[in-house]
Amino acid sequence: MASVLGMLEQREAAARVRVEELREEAARLAGVLEAAEIELERRVIARELLVEALACVFHLRLCPDHER
């Protein structure tokens, strides 16, 4: 039968491995999150630019005498 100390050491080693795996996963997810945030920001900018462009077109149609 394994000693209590030996069992604790095994569990500690397993916990260290698990912690390292979780750290690696957290680092990977941080990269994924950063990429997703960049994509979101690009899409927000694209939408804002489209709304701005459509507002200009709408304004020109309402005011055909407006200087171009």
C-alpha atoms as a PDB file:
ATOM      1  CA  MET A   1       0.000   0.000   0.000  1.00  0.00           C
ATOM      2  CA  ALA A   2       1.296   3.422  -0.918  1.00  0.00           C
ATOM      3  CA  SER A   3       2.222   5.730   1.874  1.00  0.00           C
ATOM      4  CA  VAL A   4       0.073   8.735   2.633  1.00  0.00           C
ATOM      5  CA  LEU A   5       3.018  10.989   1.798  1.00  0.00           C
ATOM      6  CA  GLY A   6       3.476   9.248  -1.551  1.00  0.00           C
ATOM      7  CA  MET A   7      -0.204   9.627  -2.398  1.00  0.00           C
ATOM      8  CA  LEU A   8      -0.082  13.314  -1.509  1.00  0.00           C
ATOM      9  CA  GLU A   9       2.988  13.791  -3.692  1.00  0.00           C
ATOM     10  CA  GLN A  10       1.243  12.089  -6.624  1.00  0.00           C
ATOM     11  CA  ARG A  11      -1.827  14.263  -6.214  1.00  0.00           C
ATOM     12  CA  GLU A  12       0.350  17.359  -5.944  1.00  0.00           C
ATOM     13  CA  ALA A  13       2.169  16.433  -9.152  1.00  0.00           C
ATOM     14  CA  ALA A  14      -1.135  15.842 -10.920  1.00  0.00           C
ATOM     15  CA  ALA A  15      -2.415  19.199  -9.672  1.00  0.00           C
ATOM     16  CA  ARG A  16       0.732  20.924 -10.982  1.00  0.00           C
ATOM     17  CA  VAL A  17       0.217  19.337 -14.402  1.00  0.00           C
ATOM     18  CA  ARG A  18      -3.422  20.453 -14.416  1.00  0.00           C
ATOM     19  CA  VAL A  19      -2.472  24.007 -13.429  1.00  0.00           C
ATOM     20  CA  GLU A  20       0.078  24.172 -16.257  1.00  0.00           C
ATOM     21  CA  GLU A  21      -2.481  22.859 -18.752  1.00  0.00           C
ATOM     22  CA  LEU A  22      -4.973  25.483 -17.618  1.00  0.00           C
ATOM     23  CA  ARG A  23      -2.352  28.231 -17.885  1.00  0.00           C
ATOM     24  CA  GLU A  24      -1.609  27.178 -21.455  1.00  0.00           C
ATOM     25  CA  GLU A  25      -5.319  27.090 -22.282  1.00  0.00           C
ATOM     26  CA  ALA A  26      -5.823  30.528 -20.714  1.00  0.00           C
ATOM     27  CA  ALA A  27      -2.967  31.937 -22.820  1.00  0.00           C
ATOM     28  CA  ARG A  28      -4.447  30.403 -25.956  1.00  0.00           C
ATOM     29  CA  LEU A  29      -7.898  31.787 -25.138  1.00  0.00           C
ATOM     30  CA  ALA A  30      -6.418  35.231 -24.473  1.00  0.00           C
ATOM     31  CA  GLY A  31      -5.085  35.192 -28.029  1.00  0.00           C
ATOM     32  CA  VAL A  32      -8.426  34.048 -29.415  1.00  0.00           C
ATOM     33  CA  LEU A  33     -10.208  36.764 -27.435  1.00  0.00           C
ATOM     34  CA  GLU A  34      -7.816  39.444 -28.698  1.00  0.00           C
ATOM     35  CA  ALA A  35      -8.421  38.382 -32.304  1.00  0.00           C
ATOM     36  CA  ALA A  36     -12.198  38.402 -31.757  1.00  0.00           C
ATOM     37  CA  GLU A  37     -12.044  41.872 -30.201  1.00  0.00           C
ATOM     38  CA  ILE A  38     -10.080  43.165 -33.202  1.00  0.00           C
ATOM     39  CA  GLU A  39     -12.626  41.647 -35.588  1.00  0.00           C
ATOM     40  CA  LEU A  40     -15.492  43.186 -33.614  1.00  0.00           C
ATOM     41  CA  GLU A  41     -13.858  46.618 -33.708  1.00  0.00           C
ATOM     42  CA  ARG A  42     -13.342  46.337 -37.475  1.00  0.00           C
ATOM     43  CA  ARG A  43     -16.998  45.401 -37.957  1.00  0.00           C
ATOM     44  CA  VAL A  44     -18.162  48.307 -35.784  1.00  0.00           C
ATOM     45  CA  ILE A  45     -16.047  50.701 -37.842  1.00  0.00           C
ATOM     46  CA  ALA A  46     -17.389  49.221 -41.086  1.00  0.00           C
ATOM     47  CA  ARG A  47     -20.973  49.644 -39.897  1.00  0.00           C
ATOM     48  CA  GLU A  48     -20.338  53.217 -38.785  1.00  0.00           C
ATOM     49  CA  LEU A  49     -18.767  54.069 -42.140  1.00  0.00           C
ATOM     50  CA  LEU A  50     -21.699  52.536 -44.005  1.00  0.00           C
ATOM     51  CA  VAL A  51     -24.219  54.468 -41.909  1.00  0.00           C
ATOM     52  CA  GLU A  52     -22.248  57.653 -42.538  1.00  0.00           C
ATOM     53  CA  ALA A  53     -22.102  57.008 -46.294  1.00  0.00           C
ATOM     54  CA  LEU A  54     -25.804  56.179 -46.469  1.00  0.00           C
ATOM     55  CA  ALA A  55     -26.632  59.342 -44.529  1.00  0.00           C
ATOM     56  CA  CYS A  56     -24.701  61.370 -47.109  1.00  0.00           C
ATOM     57  CA  VAL A  57     -26.539  59.691 -49.992  1.00  0.00           C
ATOM     58  CA  PHE A  58     -29.886  60.200 -48.262  1.00  0.00           C
ATOM     59  CA  HIS A  59     -29.059  63.858 -47.610  1.00  0.00           C
ATOM     60  CA  LEU A  60     -28.081  64.424 -51.260  1.00  0.00           C
ATOM     61  CA  ARG A  61     -31.337  62.861 -52.443  1.00  0.00           C
ATOM     62  CA  LEU A  62     -33.379  65.063 -50.112  1.00  0.00           C
ATOM     63  CA  CYS A  63     -31.426  68.159 -51.100  1.00  0.00           C
ATOM     64  CA  PRO A  64     -30.701  67.776 -54.833  1.00  0.00           C
ATOM     65  CA  ASP A  65     -29.593  71.413 -55.065  1.00  0.00           C
ATOM     66  CA  HIS A  66     -26.937  70.807 -52.433  1.00  0.00           C
ATOM     67  CA  GLU A  67     -23.425  71.616 -53.622  1.00  0.00           C
ATOM     68  CA  ARG A  68     -21.378  68.567 -54.492  1.00  0.00           C
END
